[in-house]
Amino acid sequence: MIFRPAVESDLDRLLPLLDADPTGGVTAEAYRAGLADGQYRFDRMWLAEDAPGGAPLALAVWWGSPGEARPRALDGLFASGAEGAAGFGEGSAGSGEARTVLAAGLLGAAHTAYAEAGADVAPEYHLFLPGDWRDRPELVAAVAWRREAARRAGLPASLERLRYEWTPQNGLPEPSGRLRFRAEPDDEVFVDLFRRVLAGTLDASSRKGAARNGAEAQAREDLAFYRDTMPGKRSWWRVARTPDGVTVGFGIPSRNHATPVVGYLGVLPEHRGRGYADEILAEITRVLAAEAAPERIRADTDLTNTPMAAAFARAGYRNSARRLVLSAR
């Protein structure tokens, strides 16, 4: 079996597999568009074949921000002979254990190459799913073998997140006057706020990162991610204070390469339980509506973070999908 990164001449025979992946975050059309700005690259599209030039048996596609040295996430994993691939080429990865072994081998080969290039941890794998996926046997099966292949390739941890969308038809929330919002150019102010909101946070990724790296290091990593990696503007960030000047939290309106997003929302521990998350979310929404004129604003929160999910619902955000994140730790 040959595991290798793709080259340009492979493209036309590989792209049909993307559209056949029911859990994938990238379509053939989106992949072609992402090639133009560097979000996708041929050396981050890996395939399995049983002989040089043979029918592709499996495909894995990683995404990264343009200009980043290493990929950030796996967006799609497919094996021929799986969902929707009938008649694709002459090869087949089969089903069941054989398919899982093949997919795990493909991921493992790519992970090894990324580690040799300097990656200290394998990229996360993101599966994009409808909200009712657990009630649909075909999706349960599609997730199961991919999840097992990822586990064998070094991605044993999982986190399910809810995806929300706001559209202009939902209407903009009016300021209540309970809080004042101000842009803050000093990064160190935000480092301090990122650090302080980690205490008791319900966000699993932040909590694990702080336990692993320490709160200060995690805070600086979070700030650098939103400032240097996300294409949203730094000037959109807001500190939230009461009318008498007490800081209660902050919000980071941002965007990814597709749409504006609720990047980060934090309420300081001593001010939780007073409805301030609703106020900060409303301000984030207003900033994005004014600055980006979006068709939609997207946001994610952990399935277990019920207070944040309730805040999104109250603000007119609709739960549109789920995202299952598989990671090394």
Protein backbone atom coordinates (compact mmCIF):
# COMPACT_ATOMS: atom_id res chain seq x y z
CA MET A 1 0.00 0.00 0.00
CA ILE A 2 1.28 3.47 -0.90
CA PHE A 3 0.47 6.48 1.27
CA ARG A 4 1.53 9.80 -0.24
CA PRO A 5 0.62 13.48 -0.58
CA ALA A 6 -1.28 14.39 -3.71
CA VAL A 7 0.08 16.25 -6.70
CA GLU A 8 -1.83 18.49 -9.08
CA SER A 9 -2.39 15.74 -11.62
CA ASP A 10 -4.32 13.73 -8.99
CA LEU A 11 -6.92 16.41 -8.45
CA ASP A 12 -9.68 15.43 -10.88
CA ARG A 13 -9.83 11.85 -9.66
CA LEU A 14 -9.74 12.78 -5.98
CA LEU A 15 -12.29 15.57 -5.77
CA PRO A 16 -15.35 13.28 -6.24
CA LEU A 17 -14.45 11.62 -2.94
CA LEU A 18 -14.86 14.90 -1.09
CA ASP A 19 -18.47 15.29 -2.18
CA ALA A 20 -19.17 11.71 -1.10
CA ASP A 21 -17.99 12.27 2.50
CA PRO A 22 -21.11 12.86 4.64
CA THR A 23 -19.04 14.10 7.57
CA GLY A 24 -16.67 16.37 5.64
CA GLY A 25 -16.19 20.07 6.06
CA VAL A 26 -14.95 20.61 2.51
CA THR A 27 -16.61 20.02 -0.84
CA ALA A 28 -14.89 19.71 -4.20
CA GLU A 29 -15.94 23.26 -5.04
CA ALA A 30 -14.65 24.62 -1.73
CA TYR A 31 -11.37 22.77 -2.14
CA ARG A 32 -10.75 24.34 -5.53
CA ALA A 33 -11.50 27.77 -4.06
CA GLY A 34 -9.23 27.13 -1.07
CA LEU A 35 -6.33 26.19 -3.32
CA ALA A 36 -6.33 29.74 -4.65
CA ASP A 37 -5.61 31.41 -1.30
CA GLY A 38 -3.55 28.70 0.39
CA GLN A 39 -6.13 27.28 2.79
CA TYR A 40 -5.71 23.95 0.99
CA ARG A 41 -2.51 22.62 -0.54
CA PHE A 42 -1.68 19.50 -2.49
CA ASP A 43 0.92 18.41 0.06
CA ARG A 44 -1.85 18.41 2.72
CA MET A 45 -4.12 16.11 0.68
CA TRP A 46 -2.98 12.53 1.23
CA LEU A 47 -4.15 9.45 -0.63
CA ALA A 48 -3.78 5.69 -0.43
CA GLU A 49 -3.30 3.58 -3.54
CA ASP A 50 -2.23 -0.01 -4.02
CA ALA A 51 0.10 0.81 -6.93
CA PRO A 52 1.50 4.00 -8.49
CA GLY A 53 -1.25 5.59 -10.54
CA GLY A 54 -3.83 3.09 -9.30
CA ALA A 55 -7.35 3.89 -8.22
CA PRO A 56 -7.37 5.95 -5.01
CA LEU A 57 -8.52 3.83 -2.08
CA ALA A 58 -8.60 6.50 0.62
CA LEU A 59 -8.27 10.25 0.92
CA ALA A 60 -7.57 12.67 3.79
CA VAL A 61 -7.66 16.46 3.45
CA TRP A 62 -6.15 18.91 5.92
CA TRP A 63 -6.86 22.63 6.21
CA GLY A 64 -4.61 25.45 7.39
CA SER A 65 -4.62 29.21 7.51
CA PRO A 66 -2.83 30.74 4.50
CA GLY A 67 0.83 31.23 5.31
CA GLU A 68 0.90 28.80 8.24
CA ALA A 69 3.74 26.32 8.12
CA ARG A 70 1.64 23.37 9.31
CA PRO A 71 -1.97 22.28 8.84
CA ARG A 72 -4.43 23.09 11.59
CA ALA A 73 -7.26 20.56 11.11
CA LEU A 74 -8.32 17.49 9.16
CA ASP A 75 -11.45 18.44 7.22
CA GLY A 76 -12.31 15.16 5.50
CA LEU A 77 -11.52 11.44 5.49
CA PHE A 78 -12.89 9.03 2.93
CA ALA A 79 -12.34 5.49 1.71
CA SER A 80 -13.69 4.13 -1.58
CA GLY A 81 -16.24 1.43 -0.99
CA ALA A 82 -17.69 3.62 1.76
CA GLU A 83 -20.70 5.94 1.66
CA GLY A 84 -21.65 7.09 -1.81
CA ALA A 85 -18.52 5.78 -3.53
CA ALA A 86 -20.08 3.01 -5.56
CA GLY A 87 -18.48 2.87 -8.96
CA PHE A 88 -15.63 5.20 -8.07
CA GLY A 89 -12.63 3.73 -9.85
CA GLU A 90 -11.83 0.03 -9.77
CA GLY A 91 -10.26 -0.13 -6.32
CA SER A 92 -12.09 -0.52 -3.06
CA ALA A 93 -11.04 -0.17 0.52
CA GLY A 94 -13.75 -2.65 1.43
CA SER A 95 -15.67 -2.12 4.63
CA GLY A 96 -15.45 -2.80 8.32
CA GLU A 97 -12.03 -3.53 9.75
CA ALA A 98 -10.15 -3.37 6.44
CA ARG A 99 -11.43 0.13 5.77
CA THR A 100 -10.58 1.28 9.29
CA VAL A 101 -7.06 -0.13 9.06
CA LEU A 102 -6.50 1.57 5.72
CA ALA A 103 -7.75 4.95 6.95
CA ALA A 104 -5.71 4.71 10.15
CA GLY A 105 -2.61 3.91 8.13
CA LEU A 106 -3.17 6.90 5.87
CA LEU A 107 -3.62 9.26 8.83
CA GLY A 108 -0.62 7.78 10.60
CA ALA A 109 1.63 8.29 7.58
CA ALA A 110 0.59 11.94 7.28
CA HIS A 111 0.97 12.52 11.05
CA THR A 112 4.50 11.14 10.88
CA ALA A 113 5.34 13.49 8.01
CA TYR A 114 3.92 16.47 9.90
CA ALA A 115 5.90 15.53 13.02
CA GLU A 116 9.09 15.31 10.99
CA ALA A 117 8.32 18.80 9.66
CA GLY A 118 8.11 20.16 13.22
CA ALA A 119 4.51 19.64 14.39
CA ASP A 120 4.45 18.87 18.11
CA VAL A 121 0.95 17.37 17.99
CA ALA A 122 -1.20 15.85 15.27
CA PRO A 123 -3.85 18.21 13.83
CA GLU A 124 -7.37 17.84 15.14
CA TYR A 125 -9.99 16.07 13.04
CA HIS A 126 -13.27 17.96 12.63
CA LEU A 127 -16.40 16.08 11.57
CA PHE A 128 -19.31 18.30 10.49
CA LEU A 129 -22.68 16.81 11.33
CA PRO A 130 -26.38 17.68 11.48
CA GLY A 131 -27.93 18.09 14.89
CA ASP A 132 -29.83 14.79 14.63
CA TRP A 133 -26.89 12.69 13.48
CA ARG A 134 -27.24 10.20 16.33
CA ASP A 135 -30.77 9.38 15.12
CA ARG A 136 -29.59 8.58 11.60
CA PRO A 137 -28.02 5.10 11.31
CA GLU A 138 -26.08 5.94 8.15
CA LEU A 139 -24.36 8.87 9.89
CA VAL A 140 -23.72 6.88 13.06
CA ALA A 141 -21.93 4.29 10.91
CA ALA A 142 -20.05 6.96 8.94
CA VAL A 143 -18.79 8.53 12.16
CA ALA A 144 -17.92 5.23 13.84
CA TRP A 145 -15.26 3.96 11.45
CA ARG A 146 -13.71 7.40 11.01
CA ARG A 147 -13.57 7.87 14.77
CA GLU A 148 -11.90 4.50 15.26
CA ALA A 149 -9.38 5.18 12.48
CA ALA A 150 -8.54 8.54 14.08
CA ARG A 151 -8.14 6.90 17.49
CA ARG A 152 -5.68 4.37 16.11
CA ALA A 153 -3.77 7.19 14.42
CA GLY A 154 -3.30 9.08 17.70
CA LEU A 155 -6.49 11.14 18.09
CA PRO A 156 -8.29 9.48 21.04
CA ALA A 157 -9.92 12.53 22.67
CA SER A 158 -13.31 13.79 21.51
CA LEU A 159 -15.41 16.90 22.03
CA GLU A 160 -18.81 17.63 20.53
CA ARG A 161 -19.72 21.24 19.86
CA LEU A 162 -22.96 22.96 18.90
CA ARG A 163 -22.89 25.30 15.91
CA TYR A 164 -25.13 28.36 15.92
CA GLU A 165 -26.02 30.92 13.23
CA TRP A 166 -27.44 34.43 13.41
CA THR A 167 -28.82 36.14 10.31
CA PRO A 168 -30.01 39.74 9.85
CA GLN A 169 -33.60 38.50 9.71
CA ASN A 170 -33.27 37.66 13.41
CA GLY A 171 -32.86 41.34 14.23
CA LEU A 172 -30.16 43.14 16.18
CA PRO A 173 -30.43 43.28 19.97
CA GLU A 174 -30.65 46.79 21.37
CA PRO A 175 -28.16 47.92 24.05
CA SER A 176 -29.69 47.61 27.51
CA GLY A 177 -27.41 50.16 29.18
CA ARG A 178 -26.27 47.65 31.79
CA LEU A 179 -22.74 47.58 30.36
CA ARG A 180 -20.41 49.92 28.52
CA PHE A 181 -18.16 48.58 25.78
CA ARG A 182 -14.80 49.98 24.79
CA ALA A 183 -12.08 49.03 22.34
CA GLU A 184 -8.80 48.32 24.12
CA PRO A 185 -5.53 48.45 22.13
CA ASP A 186 -3.33 47.07 24.94
CA ASP A 187 -2.80 43.33 24.41
CA GLU A 188 -1.72 42.90 28.03
CA VAL A 189 -5.20 43.93 29.19
CA PHE A 190 -6.65 41.09 27.16
CA VAL A 191 -3.99 38.64 28.35
CA ASP A 192 -5.10 39.38 31.90
CA LEU A 193 -8.76 38.94 30.98
CA PHE A 194 -8.14 35.69 29.11
CA ARG A 195 -6.25 34.40 32.15
CA ARG A 196 -8.90 35.41 34.67
CA VAL A 197 -11.86 33.89 32.83
CA LEU A 198 -10.14 30.49 32.78
CA ALA A 199 -11.11 29.98 36.43
CA GLY A 200 -14.21 27.79 36.38
CA THR A 201 -14.60 27.96 32.61
CA LEU A 202 -17.01 25.50 30.99
CA ASP A 203 -15.04 25.56 27.72
CA ALA A 204 -13.30 22.18 27.57
CA SER A 205 -10.48 23.19 25.22
CA SER A 206 -9.49 26.21 27.31
CA ARG A 207 -9.73 24.20 30.52
CA LYS A 208 -7.50 21.41 29.20
CA GLY A 209 -5.03 23.90 27.74
CA ALA A 210 -4.74 25.75 31.05
CA ALA A 211 -4.24 22.49 32.95
CA ARG A 212 -1.52 21.46 30.52
CA ASN A 213 0.29 24.77 29.95
CA GLY A 214 -0.68 26.96 32.89
CA ALA A 215 -3.19 29.80 32.83
CA GLU A 216 -0.72 32.50 31.78
CA ALA A 217 0.62 30.52 28.83
CA GLN A 218 -2.89 29.54 27.74
CA ALA A 219 -4.03 33.16 27.92
CA ARG A 220 -1.16 34.29 25.70
CA GLU A 221 -1.81 31.44 23.28
CA ASP A 222 -5.49 32.39 23.05
CA LEU A 223 -4.67 36.04 22.41
CA ALA A 224 -2.11 35.19 19.74
CA PHE A 225 -4.57 32.87 18.00
CA TYR A 226 -7.28 35.51 17.66
CA ARG A 227 -4.87 38.34 16.88
CA ASP A 228 -2.49 36.58 14.48
CA THR A 229 -4.39 33.65 12.96
CA MET A 230 -8.01 34.71 12.64
CA PRO A 231 -8.61 37.28 9.87
CA GLY A 232 -10.97 39.38 12.01
CA LYS A 233 -9.77 42.86 12.95
CA ARG A 234 -8.09 43.52 16.28
CA SER A 235 -9.99 46.81 16.53
CA TRP A 236 -13.27 44.90 16.92
CA TRP A 237 -12.35 43.52 20.34
CA ARG A 238 -14.29 44.95 23.29
CA VAL A 239 -13.89 45.17 27.06
CA ALA A 240 -17.19 45.18 29.00
CA ARG A 241 -17.60 47.41 32.06
CA THR A 242 -20.47 48.47 34.31
CA PRO A 243 -21.51 52.15 34.18
CA ASP A 244 -19.34 52.79 37.25
CA GLY A 245 -16.24 51.36 35.53
CA VAL A 246 -16.00 47.81 36.91
CA THR A 247 -14.67 45.36 34.32
CA VAL A 248 -16.93 42.30 34.04
CA GLY A 249 -15.68 40.56 30.90
CA PHE A 250 -14.84 40.91 27.23
CA GLY A 251 -15.89 39.88 23.75
CA ILE A 252 -13.92 39.11 20.61
CA PRO A 253 -15.90 39.56 17.40
CA SER A 254 -13.85 37.93 14.65
CA ARG A 255 -14.12 36.01 11.43
CA ASN A 256 -12.72 32.88 9.85
CA HIS A 257 -12.00 32.53 6.15
CA ALA A 258 -15.67 31.93 5.37
CA THR A 259 -17.79 34.12 7.63
CA PRO A 260 -17.84 36.42 10.68
CA VAL A 261 -17.82 34.50 13.97
CA VAL A 262 -18.29 34.96 17.68
CA GLY A 263 -14.64 34.37 18.44
CA TYR A 264 -14.54 34.44 22.24
CA LEU A 265 -16.80 35.60 25.04
CA GLY A 266 -15.66 35.69 28.65
CA VAL A 267 -17.27 36.82 31.92
CA LEU A 268 -15.01 37.15 34.96
CA PRO A 269 -15.81 34.56 37.65
CA GLU A 270 -16.95 37.08 40.24
CA HIS A 271 -19.53 38.52 37.82
CA ARG A 272 -21.08 35.32 36.48
CA GLY A 273 -24.74 34.54 36.94
CA ARG A 274 -25.95 38.09 36.28
CA GLY A 275 -26.82 37.85 32.61
CA TYR A 276 -23.68 39.62 31.40
CA ALA A 277 -22.97 36.92 28.79
CA ASP A 278 -26.17 37.99 27.02
CA GLU A 279 -25.02 41.61 27.00
CA ILE A 280 -21.55 40.78 25.67
CA LEU A 281 -22.95 38.46 22.99
CA ALA A 282 -25.32 41.21 21.89
CA GLU A 283 -22.41 43.64 21.55
CA ILE A 284 -20.37 41.12 19.56
CA THR A 285 -23.33 40.68 17.22
CA ARG A 286 -23.76 44.45 16.82
CA VAL A 287 -20.05 44.96 16.08
CA LEU A 288 -20.02 42.24 13.43
CA ALA A 289 -23.24 43.49 11.85
CA ALA A 290 -21.80 47.00 11.60
CA GLU A 291 -18.26 46.12 10.55
CA ALA A 292 -18.76 43.09 8.33
CA ALA A 293 -22.36 43.40 7.03
CA PRO A 294 -22.67 39.61 7.18
CA GLU A 295 -25.22 37.30 5.62
CA ARG A 296 -24.71 35.21 8.75
CA ILE A 297 -22.65 35.08 11.92
CA ARG A 298 -21.52 31.70 13.20
CA ALA A 299 -20.66 30.56 16.69
CA ASP A 300 -19.72 27.31 18.42
CA THR A 301 -19.97 26.16 22.01
CA ASP A 302 -19.40 22.84 23.73
CA LEU A 303 -22.40 20.52 23.95
CA THR A 304 -21.96 20.53 27.74
CA ASN A 305 -21.82 24.34 28.04
CA THR A 306 -25.55 24.74 28.57
CA PRO A 307 -25.40 28.35 29.88
CA MET A 308 -23.70 29.55 26.71
CA ALA A 309 -26.09 27.54 24.53
CA ALA A 310 -29.00 29.22 26.30
CA ALA A 311 -27.43 32.65 25.73
CA PHE A 312 -27.16 31.98 22.00
CA ALA A 313 -30.81 30.93 21.86
CA ARG A 314 -31.93 34.08 23.71
CA ALA A 315 -29.91 36.23 21.29
CA GLY A 316 -31.66 34.78 18.24
CA TYR A 317 -28.91 32.37 17.19
CA ARG A 318 -30.23 29.12 15.72
CA ASN A 319 -28.55 25.77 16.36
CA SER A 320 -27.75 24.67 12.81
CA ALA A 321 -25.32 21.75 13.16
CA ARG A 322 -22.78 19.97 15.34
CA ARG A 323 -19.03 19.57 15.07
CA LEU A 324 -17.24 16.55 16.51
CA VAL A 325 -13.60 17.34 17.27
CA LEU A 326 -11.14 14.46 17.63
CA SER A 327 -7.74 15.35 19.02
CA ALA A 328 -4.52 13.97 20.47
CA ARG A 329 -5.25 15.26 23.99
